[in-house]
Amino acid sequence: MENSPEPQPEIDPAMIRYLRLLVTILTGTMIAGLLVIIFLFVTRFSNTGPELPGTITLPDGASAAAFTQGNGWYAVVTDDDRILIYDRDSGALRQTITIEK
């Protein structure tokens, strides 16, 4: 029984340089991608969002269930199945829509 180790294959220095170059390029690409993702998160999530009205005066007995808005108006859906549409500039009630069951 012989205890001699198996012969190791000869390593080509050009192949090692090529692999080192590939790993360096991959590392640079991954760092650049991570920076792009961080930049997109910062720019997308720093948006202030839509401007909401300070106060909304609902009719007596009405309780808000939902809110939505558009250009020049906002609407409140109440618990008693009405949609109240208000003017954004004046805050005046423009239209009332009753939802039939």
PDB file of N, CA and C in Angstrom:
ATOM      1  N   MET A   1       0.839  -1.158   0.000  1.00  0.00           N
ATOM      2  CA  MET A   1       0.000   0.000   0.000  1.00  0.00           C
ATOM      3  C   MET A   1       0.894   1.233   0.000  1.00  0.00           C
ATOM      4  N   GLU A   2       0.593   2.119  -0.886  1.00  0.00           N
ATOM      5  CA  GLU A   2       1.423   3.298  -1.068  1.00  0.00           C
ATOM      6  C   GLU A   2       0.704   4.527  -0.544  1.00  0.00           C
ATOM      7  N   ASN A   3       1.361   5.393   0.208  1.00  0.00           N
ATOM      8  CA  ASN A   3       0.749   6.583   0.795  1.00  0.00           C
ATOM      9  C   ASN A   3       1.098   7.855   0.038  1.00  0.00           C
ATOM     10  N   SER A   4       1.401   7.771  -1.191  1.00  0.00           N
ATOM     11  CA  SER A   4       1.754   8.964  -1.957  1.00  0.00           C
ATOM     12  C   SER A   4       0.481   9.673  -2.419  1.00  0.00           C
ATOM     13  N   PRO A   5       0.446  11.002  -2.327  1.00  0.00           N
ATOM     14  CA  PRO A   5      -0.735  11.749  -2.774  1.00  0.00           C
ATOM     15  C   PRO A   5      -0.875  11.693  -4.291  1.00  0.00           C
ATOM     16  N   GLU A   6      -2.126  11.907  -4.715  1.00  0.00           N
ATOM     17  CA  GLU A   6      -2.374  11.922  -6.157  1.00  0.00           C
ATOM     18  C   GLU A   6      -1.747  13.170  -6.751  1.00  0.00           C
ATOM     19  N   PRO A   7      -1.276  13.078  -7.958  1.00  0.00           N
ATOM     20  CA  PRO A   7      -0.675  14.258  -8.586  1.00  0.00           C
ATOM     21  C   PRO A   7      -1.746  15.327  -8.852  1.00  0.00           C
ATOM     22  N   GLN A   8      -1.426  16.589  -8.523  1.00  0.00           N
ATOM     23  CA  GLN A   8      -2.332  17.709  -8.727  1.00  0.00           C
ATOM     24  C   GLN A   8      -2.233  18.190 -10.170  1.00  0.00           C
ATOM     25  N   PRO A   9      -3.373  18.566 -10.753  1.00  0.00           N
ATOM     26  CA  PRO A   9      -3.311  19.081 -12.125  1.00  0.00           C
ATOM     27  C   PRO A   9      -2.590  20.423 -12.156  1.00  0.00           C
ATOM     28  N   GLU A  10      -1.920  20.685 -13.225  1.00  0.00           N
ATOM     29  CA  GLU A  10      -1.178  21.929 -13.364  1.00  0.00           C
ATOM     30  C   GLU A  10      -2.155  23.069 -13.648  1.00  0.00           C
ATOM     31  N   ILE A  11      -2.017  24.176 -12.917  1.00  0.00           N
ATOM     32  CA  ILE A  11      -2.925  25.315 -13.037  1.00  0.00           C
ATOM     33  C   ILE A  11      -2.328  26.310 -14.029  1.00  0.00           C
ATOM     34  N   ASP A  12      -3.173  26.710 -14.973  1.00  0.00           N
ATOM     35  CA  ASP A  12      -2.753  27.655 -16.003  1.00  0.00           C
ATOM     36  C   ASP A  12      -2.878  29.083 -15.462  1.00  0.00           C
ATOM     37  N   PRO A  13      -1.797  29.861 -15.404  1.00  0.00           N
ATOM     38  CA  PRO A  13      -1.872  31.236 -14.885  1.00  0.00           C
ATOM     39  C   PRO A  13      -2.803  32.125 -15.708  1.00  0.00           C
ATOM     40  N   ALA A  14      -2.919  31.892 -17.000  1.00  0.00           N
ATOM     41  CA  ALA A  14      -3.817  32.701 -17.834  1.00  0.00           C
ATOM     42  C   ALA A  14      -5.270  32.441 -17.445  1.00  0.00           C
ATOM     43  N   MET A  15      -5.608  31.208 -17.128  1.00  0.00           N
ATOM     44  CA  MET A  15      -6.969  30.865 -16.728  1.00  0.00           C
ATOM     45  C   MET A  15      -7.301  31.509 -15.378  1.00  0.00           C
ATOM     46  N   ILE A  16      -6.339  31.555 -14.475  1.00  0.00           N
ATOM     47  CA  ILE A  16      -6.558  32.192 -13.176  1.00  0.00           C
ATOM     48  C   ILE A  16      -6.797  33.681 -13.352  1.00  0.00           C
ATOM     49  N   ARG A  17      -6.028  34.341 -14.216  1.00  0.00           N
ATOM     50  CA  ARG A  17      -6.250  35.764 -14.482  1.00  0.00           C
ATOM     51  C   ARG A  17      -7.624  35.999 -15.090  1.00  0.00           C
ATOM     52  N   TYR A  18      -8.044  35.118 -15.989  1.00  0.00           N
ATOM     53  CA  TYR A  18      -9.362  35.233 -16.625  1.00  0.00           C
ATOM     54  C   TYR A  18     -10.471  35.078 -15.578  1.00  0.00           C
ATOM     55  N   LEU A  19     -10.366  34.093 -14.710  1.00  0.00           N
ATOM     56  CA  LEU A  19     -11.375  33.888 -13.673  1.00  0.00           C
ATOM     57  C   LEU A  19     -11.401  35.048 -12.684  1.00  0.00           C
ATOM     58  N   ARG A  20     -10.225  35.569 -12.350  1.00  0.00           N
ATOM     59  CA  ARG A  20     -10.145  36.721 -11.453  1.00  0.00           C
ATOM     60  C   ARG A  20     -10.838  37.931 -12.084  1.00  0.00           C
ATOM     61  N   LEU A  21     -10.652  38.126 -13.378  1.00  0.00           N
ATOM     62  CA  LEU A  21     -11.309  39.219 -14.089  1.00  0.00           C
ATOM     63  C   LEU A  21     -12.827  39.038 -14.070  1.00  0.00           C
ATOM     64  N   LEU A  22     -13.285  37.818 -14.317  1.00  0.00           N
ATOM     65  CA  LEU A  22     -14.722  37.559 -14.300  1.00  0.00           C
ATOM     66  C   LEU A  22     -15.332  37.820 -12.915  1.00  0.00           C
ATOM     67  N   VAL A  23     -14.663  37.396 -11.876  1.00  0.00           N
ATOM     68  CA  VAL A  23     -15.165  37.623 -10.513  1.00  0.00           C
ATOM     69  C   VAL A  23     -15.186  39.112 -10.195  1.00  0.00           C
ATOM     70  N   THR A  24     -14.178  39.860 -10.636  1.00  0.00           N
ATOM     71  CA  THR A  24     -14.139  41.302 -10.401  1.00  0.00           C
ATOM     72  C   THR A  24     -15.275  42.006 -11.132  1.00  0.00           C
ATOM     73  N   ILE A  25     -15.529  41.608 -12.363  1.00  0.00           N
ATOM     74  CA  ILE A  25     -16.636  42.199 -13.133  1.00  0.00           C
ATOM     75  C   ILE A  25     -17.972  41.873 -12.469  1.00  0.00           C
ATOM     76  N   LEU A  26     -18.158  40.645 -12.028  1.00  0.00           N
ATOM     77  CA  LEU A  26     -19.389  40.253 -11.354  1.00  0.00           C
ATOM     78  C   LEU A  26     -19.578  41.053 -10.064  1.00  0.00           C
ATOM     79  N   THR A  27     -18.532  41.244  -9.306  1.00  0.00           N
ATOM     80  CA  THR A  27     -18.616  42.021  -8.071  1.00  0.00           C
ATOM     81  C   THR A  27     -19.001  43.471  -8.364  1.00  0.00           C
ATOM     82  N   GLY A  28     -18.379  44.056  -9.361  1.00  0.00           N
ATOM     83  CA  GLY A  28     -18.718  45.429  -9.745  1.00  0.00           C
ATOM     84  C   GLY A  28     -20.162  45.559 -10.203  1.00  0.00           C
ATOM     85  N   THR A  29     -20.635  44.578 -10.979  1.00  0.00           N
ATOM     86  CA  THR A  29     -22.014  44.593 -11.445  1.00  0.00           C
ATOM     87  C   THR A  29     -22.988  44.480 -10.275  1.00  0.00           C
ATOM     88  N   MET A  30     -22.686  43.625  -9.322  1.00  0.00           N
ATOM     89  CA  MET A  30     -23.565  43.462  -8.167  1.00  0.00           C
ATOM     90  C   MET A  30     -23.589  44.723  -7.308  1.00  0.00           C
ATOM     91  N   ILE A  31     -22.461  45.377  -7.131  1.00  0.00           N
ATOM     92  CA  ILE A  31     -22.417  46.623  -6.354  1.00  0.00           C
ATOM     93  C   ILE A  31     -23.210  47.712  -7.073  1.00  0.00           C
ATOM     94  N   ALA A  32     -23.031  47.820  -8.389  1.00  0.00           N
ATOM     95  CA  ALA A  32     -23.779  48.821  -9.159  1.00  0.00           C
ATOM     96  C   ALA A  32     -25.277  48.539  -9.085  1.00  0.00           C
ATOM     97  N   GLY A  33     -25.686  47.292  -9.185  1.00  0.00           N
ATOM     98  CA  GLY A  33     -27.105  46.939  -9.087  1.00  0.00           C
ATOM     99  C   GLY A  33     -27.681  47.282  -7.730  1.00  0.00           C
ATOM    100  N   LEU A  34     -26.931  47.016  -6.674  1.00  0.00           N
ATOM    101  CA  LEU A  34     -27.388  47.348  -5.325  1.00  0.00           C
ATOM    102  C   LEU A  34     -27.544  48.856  -5.167  1.00  0.00           C
ATOM    103  N   LEU A  35     -26.614  49.631  -5.707  1.00  0.00           N
ATOM    104  CA  LEU A  35     -26.723  51.087  -5.635  1.00  0.00           C
ATOM    105  C   LEU A  35     -27.933  51.602  -6.406  1.00  0.00           C
ATOM    106  N   VAL A  36     -28.227  50.993  -7.552  1.00  0.00           N
ATOM    107  CA  VAL A  36     -29.414  51.387  -8.324  1.00  0.00           C
ATOM    108  C   VAL A  36     -30.683  51.085  -7.542  1.00  0.00           C
ATOM    109  N   ILE A  37     -30.752  49.926  -6.906  1.00  0.00           N
ATOM    110  CA  ILE A  37     -31.931  49.569  -6.115  1.00  0.00           C
ATOM    111  C   ILE A  37     -32.106  50.532  -4.943  1.00  0.00           C
ATOM    112  N   ILE A  38     -31.037  50.861  -4.254  1.00  0.00           N
ATOM    113  CA  ILE A  38     -31.116  51.817  -3.142  1.00  0.00           C
ATOM    114  C   ILE A  38     -31.572  53.177  -3.647  1.00  0.00           C
ATOM    115  N   PHE A  39     -31.043  53.624  -4.779  1.00  0.00           N
ATOM    116  CA  PHE A  39     -31.445  54.910  -5.365  1.00  0.00           C
ATOM    117  C   PHE A  39     -32.937  54.907  -5.698  1.00  0.00           C
ATOM    118  N   LEU A  40     -33.432  53.812  -6.288  1.00  0.00           N
ATOM    119  CA  LEU A  40     -34.850  53.746  -6.637  1.00  0.00           C
ATOM    120  C   LEU A  40     -35.738  53.752  -5.399  1.00  0.00           C
ATOM    121  N   PHE A  41     -35.333  53.048  -4.352  1.00  0.00           N
ATOM    122  CA  PHE A  41     -36.107  53.073  -3.114  1.00  0.00           C
ATOM    123  C   PHE A  41     -36.172  54.485  -2.540  1.00  0.00           C
ATOM    124  N   VAL A  42     -35.063  55.174  -2.524  1.00  0.00           N
ATOM    125  CA  VAL A  42     -35.024  56.518  -1.952  1.00  0.00           C
ATOM    126  C   VAL A  42     -35.881  57.472  -2.776  1.00  0.00           C
ATOM    127  N   THR A  43     -35.781  57.412  -4.093  1.00  0.00           N
ATOM    128  CA  THR A  43     -36.535  58.350  -4.921  1.00  0.00           C
ATOM    129  C   THR A  43     -38.015  58.014  -4.962  1.00  0.00           C
ATOM    130  N   ARG A  44     -38.386  56.759  -4.934  1.00  0.00           N
ATOM    131  CA  ARG A  44     -39.799  56.379  -5.005  1.00  0.00           C
ATOM    132  C   ARG A  44     -40.523  56.586  -3.680  1.00  0.00           C
ATOM    133  N   PHE A  45     -39.886  56.273  -2.569  1.00  0.00           N
ATOM    134  CA  PHE A  45     -40.566  56.341  -1.289  1.00  0.00           C
ATOM    135  C   PHE A  45     -40.468  57.710  -0.625  1.00  0.00           C
ATOM    136  N   SER A  46     -39.710  58.624  -1.170  1.00  0.00           N
ATOM    137  CA  SER A  46     -39.634  59.958  -0.593  1.00  0.00           C
ATOM    138  C   SER A  46     -40.700  60.885  -1.173  1.00  0.00           C
ATOM    139  N   ASN A  47     -41.548  60.363  -2.054  1.00  0.00           N
ATOM    140  CA  ASN A  47     -42.637  61.148  -2.627  1.00  0.00           C
ATOM    141  C   ASN A  47     -43.604  61.533  -1.508  1.00  0.00           C
ATOM    142  N   THR A  48     -44.041  62.779  -1.484  1.00  0.00           N
ATOM    143  CA  THR A  48     -44.895  63.259  -0.399  1.00  0.00           C
ATOM    144  C   THR A  48     -46.316  62.718  -0.494  1.00  0.00           C
ATOM    145  N   GLY A  49     -46.750  62.293  -1.645  1.00  0.00           N
ATOM    146  CA  GLY A  49     -48.093  61.745  -1.789  1.00  0.00           C
ATOM    147  C   GLY A  49     -49.111  62.827  -2.089  1.00  0.00           C
ATOM    148  N   PRO A  50     -50.365  62.429  -2.209  1.00  0.00           N
ATOM    149  CA  PRO A  50     -51.409  63.396  -2.542  1.00  0.00           C
ATOM    150  C   PRO A  50     -51.710  64.321  -1.366  1.00  0.00           C
ATOM    151  N   GLU A  51     -52.172  65.498  -1.688  1.00  0.00           N
ATOM    152  CA  GLU A  51     -52.517  66.473  -0.658  1.00  0.00           C
ATOM    153  C   GLU A  51     -53.939  66.198  -0.173  1.00  0.00           C
ATOM    154  N   LEU A  52     -54.077  65.988   1.114  1.00  0.00           N
ATOM    155  CA  LEU A  52     -55.378  65.690   1.703  1.00  0.00           C
ATOM    156  C   LEU A  52     -55.994  66.954   2.282  1.00  0.00           C
ATOM    157  N   PRO A  53     -57.332  67.044   2.288  1.00  0.00           N
ATOM    158  CA  PRO A  53     -57.967  68.216   2.896  1.00  0.00           C
ATOM    159  C   PRO A  53     -57.734  68.222   4.408  1.00  0.00           C
ATOM    160  N   GLY A  54     -57.689  69.421   4.984  1.00  0.00           N
ATOM    161  CA  GLY A  54     -57.468  69.550   6.420  1.00  0.00           C
ATOM    162  C   GLY A  54     -58.621  68.993   7.240  1.00  0.00           C
ATOM    163  N   THR A  55     -59.833  69.406   6.907  1.00  0.00           N
ATOM    164  CA  THR A  55     -61.029  68.908   7.584  1.00  0.00           C
ATOM    165  C   THR A  55     -62.120  68.682   6.552  1.00  0.00           C
ATOM    166  N   ILE A  56     -63.010  67.766   6.868  1.00  0.00           N
ATOM    167  CA  ILE A  56     -64.173  67.492   6.026  1.00  0.00           C
ATOM    168  C   ILE A  56     -65.391  67.527   6.934  1.00  0.00           C
ATOM    169  N   THR A  57     -66.373  68.361   6.571  1.00  0.00           N
ATOM    170  CA  THR A  57     -67.595  68.456   7.355  1.00  0.00           C
ATOM    171  C   THR A  57     -68.648  67.556   6.724  1.00  0.00           C
ATOM    172  N   LEU A  58     -69.025  66.523   7.458  1.00  0.00           N
ATOM    173  CA  LEU A  58     -70.036  65.577   6.977  1.00  0.00           C
ATOM    174  C   LEU A  58     -71.410  65.989   7.488  1.00  0.00           C
ATOM    175  N   PRO A  59     -72.477  65.604   6.772  1.00  0.00           N
ATOM    176  CA  PRO A  59     -73.828  65.880   7.266  1.00  0.00           C
ATOM    177  C   PRO A  59     -74.072  65.180   8.606  1.00  0.00           C
ATOM    178  N   ASP A  60     -75.051  65.669   9.337  1.00  0.00           N
ATOM    179  CA  ASP A  60     -75.369  65.094  10.642  1.00  0.00           C
ATOM    180  C   ASP A  60     -75.710  63.611  10.526  1.00  0.00           C
ATOM    181  N   GLY A  61     -75.151  62.814  11.401  1.00  0.00           N
ATOM    182  CA  GLY A  61     -75.437  61.382  11.444  1.00  0.00           C
ATOM    183  C   GLY A  61     -74.611  60.559  10.480  1.00  0.00           C
ATOM    184  N   ALA A  62     -73.827  61.191   9.625  1.00  0.00           N
ATOM    185  CA  ALA A  62     -73.026  60.453   8.648  1.00  0.00           C
ATOM    186  C   ALA A  62     -71.660  60.129   9.248  1.00  0.00           C
ATOM    187  N   SER A  63     -71.198  58.936   8.949  1.00  0.00           N
ATOM    188  CA  SER A  63     -69.875  58.500   9.388  1.00  0.00           C
ATOM    189  C   SER A  63     -69.112  58.008   8.168  1.00  0.00           C
ATOM    190  N   ALA A  64     -67.875  58.415   8.039  1.00  0.00           N
ATOM    191  CA  ALA A  64     -67.079  58.084   6.850  1.00  0.00           C
ATOM    192  C   ALA A  64     -66.675  56.619   6.858  1.00  0.00           C
ATOM    193  N   ALA A  65     -66.819  55.974   5.689  1.00  0.00           N
ATOM    194  CA  ALA A  65     -66.382  54.585   5.521  1.00  0.00           C
ATOM    195  C   ALA A  65     -65.201  54.498   4.567  1.00  0.00           C
ATOM    196  N   ALA A  66     -65.124  55.426   3.589  1.00  0.00           N
ATOM    197  CA  ALA A  66     -64.036  55.408   2.611  1.00  0.00           C
ATOM    198  C   ALA A  66     -63.819  56.820   2.075  1.00  0.00           C
ATOM    199  N   PHE A  67     -62.643  57.029   1.497  1.00  0.00           N
ATOM    200  CA  PHE A  67     -62.266  58.333   0.951  1.00  0.00           C
ATOM    201  C   PHE A  67     -61.539  58.109  -0.355  1.00  0.00           C
ATOM    202  N   THR A  68     -61.807  58.948  -1.348  1.00  0.00           N
ATOM    203  CA  THR A  68     -61.061  58.929  -2.609  1.00  0.00           C
ATOM    204  C   THR A  68     -61.007  60.352  -3.136  1.00  0.00           C
ATOM    205  N   GLN A  69     -60.101  60.573  -4.097  1.00  0.00           N
ATOM    206  CA  GLN A  69     -59.970  61.923  -4.630  1.00  0.00           C
ATOM    207  C   GLN A  69     -59.556  61.897  -6.087  1.00  0.00           C
ATOM    208  N   GLY A  70     -59.823  63.003  -6.755  1.00  0.00           N
ATOM    209  CA  GLY A  70     -59.444  63.179  -8.150  1.00  0.00           C
ATOM    210  C   GLY A  70     -58.994  64.607  -8.361  1.00  0.00           C
ATOM    211  N   ASN A  71     -58.913  65.032  -9.608  1.00  0.00           N
ATOM    212  CA  ASN A  71     -58.495  66.404  -9.924  1.00  0.00           C
ATOM    213  C   ASN A  71     -59.629  67.369  -9.610  1.00  0.00           C
ATOM    214  N   GLY A  72     -59.453  68.189  -8.596  1.00  0.00           N
ATOM    215  CA  GLY A  72     -60.438  69.213  -8.263  1.00  0.00           C
ATOM    216  C   GLY A  72     -61.569  68.734  -7.373  1.00  0.00           C
ATOM    217  N   TRP A  73     -61.565  67.497  -6.925  1.00  0.00           N
ATOM    218  CA  TRP A  73     -62.633  66.989  -6.069  1.00  0.00           C
ATOM    219  C   TRP A  73     -62.117  65.878  -5.158  1.00  0.00           C
ATOM    220  N   TYR A  74     -62.882  65.609  -4.129  1.00  0.00           N
ATOM    221  CA  TYR A  74     -62.659  64.422  -3.307  1.00  0.00           C
ATOM    222  C   TYR A  74     -64.023  63.901  -2.867  1.00  0.00           C
ATOM    223  N   ALA A  75     -64.104  62.625  -2.562  1.00  0.00           N
ATOM    224  CA  ALA A  75     -65.376  61.997  -2.232  1.00  0.00           C
ATOM    225  C   ALA A  75     -65.239  61.188  -0.951  1.00  0.00           C
ATOM    226  N   VAL A  76     -66.334  61.173  -0.195  1.00  0.00           N
ATOM    227  CA  VAL A  76     -66.421  60.391   1.029  1.00  0.00           C
ATOM    228  C   VAL A  76     -67.601  59.453   0.885  1.00  0.00           C
ATOM    229  N   VAL A  77     -67.355  58.174   1.124  1.00  0.00           N
ATOM    230  CA  VAL A  77     -68.436  57.188   1.152  1.00  0.00           C
ATOM    231  C   VAL A  77     -68.828  57.039   2.609  1.00  0.00           C
ATOM    232  N   THR A  78     -70.131  57.174   2.878  1.00  0.00           N
ATOM    233  CA  THR A  78     -70.598  57.126   4.263  1.00  0.00           C
ATOM    234  C   THR A  78     -71.180  55.754   4.589  1.00  0.00           C
ATOM    235  N   ASP A  79     -71.384  55.525   5.893  1.00  0.00           N
ATOM    236  CA  ASP A  79     -71.951  54.256   6.345  1.00  0.00           C
ATOM    237  C   ASP A  79     -73.413  54.095   5.953  1.00  0.00           C
ATOM    238  N   ASP A  80     -74.109  55.199   5.689  1.00  0.00           N
ATOM    239  CA  ASP A  80     -75.524  55.111   5.300  1.00  0.00           C
ATOM    240  C   ASP A  80     -75.692  55.067   3.780  1.00  0.00           C
ATOM    241  N   ASP A  81     -74.698  54.525   3.081  1.00  0.00           N
ATOM    242  CA  ASP A  81     -74.740  54.260   1.635  1.00  0.00           C
ATOM    243  C   ASP A  81     -74.952  55.506   0.788  1.00  0.00           C
ATOM    244  N   ARG A  82     -74.155  56.526   1.060  1.00  0.00           N
ATOM    245  CA  ARG A  82     -74.142  57.727   0.232  1.00  0.00           C
ATOM    246  C   ARG A  82     -72.711  58.025  -0.167  1.00  0.00           C
ATOM    247  N   ILE A  83     -72.559  58.651  -1.328  1.00  0.00           N
ATOM    248  CA  ILE A  83     -71.265  59.152  -1.770  1.00  0.00           C
ATOM    249  C   ILE A  83     -71.384  60.667  -1.810  1.00  0.00           C
ATOM    250  N   LEU A  84     -70.553  61.330  -1.019  1.00  0.00           N
ATOM    251  CA  LEU A  84     -70.573  62.783  -0.947  1.00  0.00           C
ATOM    252  C   LEU A  84     -69.347  63.316  -1.683  1.00  0.00           C
ATOM    253  N   ILE A  85     -69.596  64.087  -2.740  1.00  0.00           N
ATOM    254  CA  ILE A  85     -68.509  64.620  -3.566  1.00  0.00           C
ATOM    255  C   ILE A  85     -68.341  66.102  -3.239  1.00  0.00           C
ATOM    256  N   TYR A  86     -67.123  66.468  -2.840  1.00  0.00           N
ATOM    257  CA  TYR A  86     -66.805  67.829  -2.424  1.00  0.00           C
ATOM    258  C   TYR A  86     -65.863  68.485  -3.425  1.00  0.00           C
ATOM    259  N   ASP A  87     -65.965  69.820  -3.516  1.00  0.00           N
ATOM    260  CA  ASP A  87     -65.041  70.607  -4.327  1.00  0.00           C
ATOM    261  C   ASP A  87     -63.731  70.763  -3.558  1.00  0.00           C
ATOM    262  N   ARG A  88     -62.597  70.517  -4.218  1.00  0.00           N
ATOM    263  CA  ARG A  88     -61.304  70.576  -3.521  1.00  0.00           C
ATOM    264  C   ARG A  88     -60.951  71.999  -3.080  1.00  0.00           C
ATOM    265  N   ASP A  89     -61.238  72.994  -3.910  1.00  0.00           N
ATOM    266  CA  ASP A  89     -60.827  74.367  -3.594  1.00  0.00           C
ATOM    267  C   ASP A  89     -61.665  74.990  -2.482  1.00  0.00           C
ATOM    268  N   SER A  90     -62.987  74.864  -2.585  1.00  0.00           N
ATOM    269  CA  SER A  90     -63.854  75.526  -1.606  1.00  0.00           C
ATOM    270  C   SER A  90     -64.270  74.610  -0.460  1.00  0.00           C
ATOM    271  N   GLY A  91     -64.233  73.312  -0.659  1.00  0.00           N
ATOM    272  CA  GLY A  91     -64.684  72.374   0.368  1.00  0.00           C
ATOM    273  C   GLY A  91     -66.189  72.225   0.412  1.00  0.00           C
ATOM    274  N   ALA A  92     -66.890  72.839  -0.569  1.00  0.00           N
ATOM    275  CA  ALA A  92     -68.349  72.786  -0.602  1.00  0.00           C
ATOM    276  C   ALA A  92     -68.814  71.449  -1.183  1.00  0.00           C
ATOM    277  N   LEU A  93     -69.955  70.990  -0.692  1.00  0.00           N
ATOM    278  CA  LEU A  93     -70.548  69.750  -1.182  1.00  0.00           C
ATOM    279  C   LEU A  93     -71.081  69.983  -2.585  1.00  0.00           C
ATOM    280  N   ARG A  94     -70.566  69.235  -3.563  1.00  0.00           N
ATOM    281  CA  ARG A  94     -70.959  69.384  -4.977  1.00  0.00           C
ATOM    282  C   ARG A  94     -72.140  68.494  -5.324  1.00  0.00           C
ATOM    283  N   GLN A  95     -72.064  67.247  -4.866  1.00  0.00           N
ATOM    284  CA  GLN A  95     -73.056  66.277  -5.308  1.00  0.00           C
ATOM    285  C   GLN A  95     -73.193  65.182  -4.251  1.00  0.00           C
ATOM    286  N   THR A  96     -74.410  64.672  -4.121  1.00  0.00           N
ATOM    287  CA  THR A  96     -74.671  63.537  -3.238  1.00  0.00           C
ATOM    288  C   THR A  96     -75.265  62.426  -4.087  1.00  0.00           C
ATOM    289  N   ILE A  97     -74.688  61.249  -3.977  1.00  0.00           N
ATOM    290  CA  ILE A  97     -75.167  60.077  -4.729  1.00  0.00           C
ATOM    291  C   ILE A  97     -75.609  59.042  -3.704  1.00  0.00           C
ATOM    292  N   THR A  98     -76.866  58.605  -3.814  1.00  0.00           N
ATOM    293  CA  THR A  98     -77.378  57.568  -2.919  1.00  0.00           C
ATOM    294  C   THR A  98     -77.205  56.223  -3.594  1.00  0.00           C
ATOM    295  N   ILE A  99     -76.661  55.286  -2.869  1.00  0.00           N
ATOM    296  CA  ILE A  99     -76.431  53.938  -3.387  1.00  0.00           C
ATOM    297  C   ILE A  99     -77.652  53.086  -3.042  1.00  0.00           C
ATOM    298  N   GLU A 100     -78.285  52.530  -4.077  1.00  0.00           N
ATOM    299  CA  GLU A 100     -79.462  51.698  -3.852  1.00  0.00           C
ATOM    300  C   GLU A 100     -79.034  50.260  -3.582  1.00  0.00           C
ATOM    301  N   LYS A 101     -79.746  49.615  -2.695  1.00  0.00           N
ATOM    302  CA  LYS A 101     -79.426  48.230  -2.347  1.00  0.00           C
ATOM    303  C   LYS A 101     -80.239  47.264  -3.152  1.00  0.00           C
TER     304      LYS A 101
END
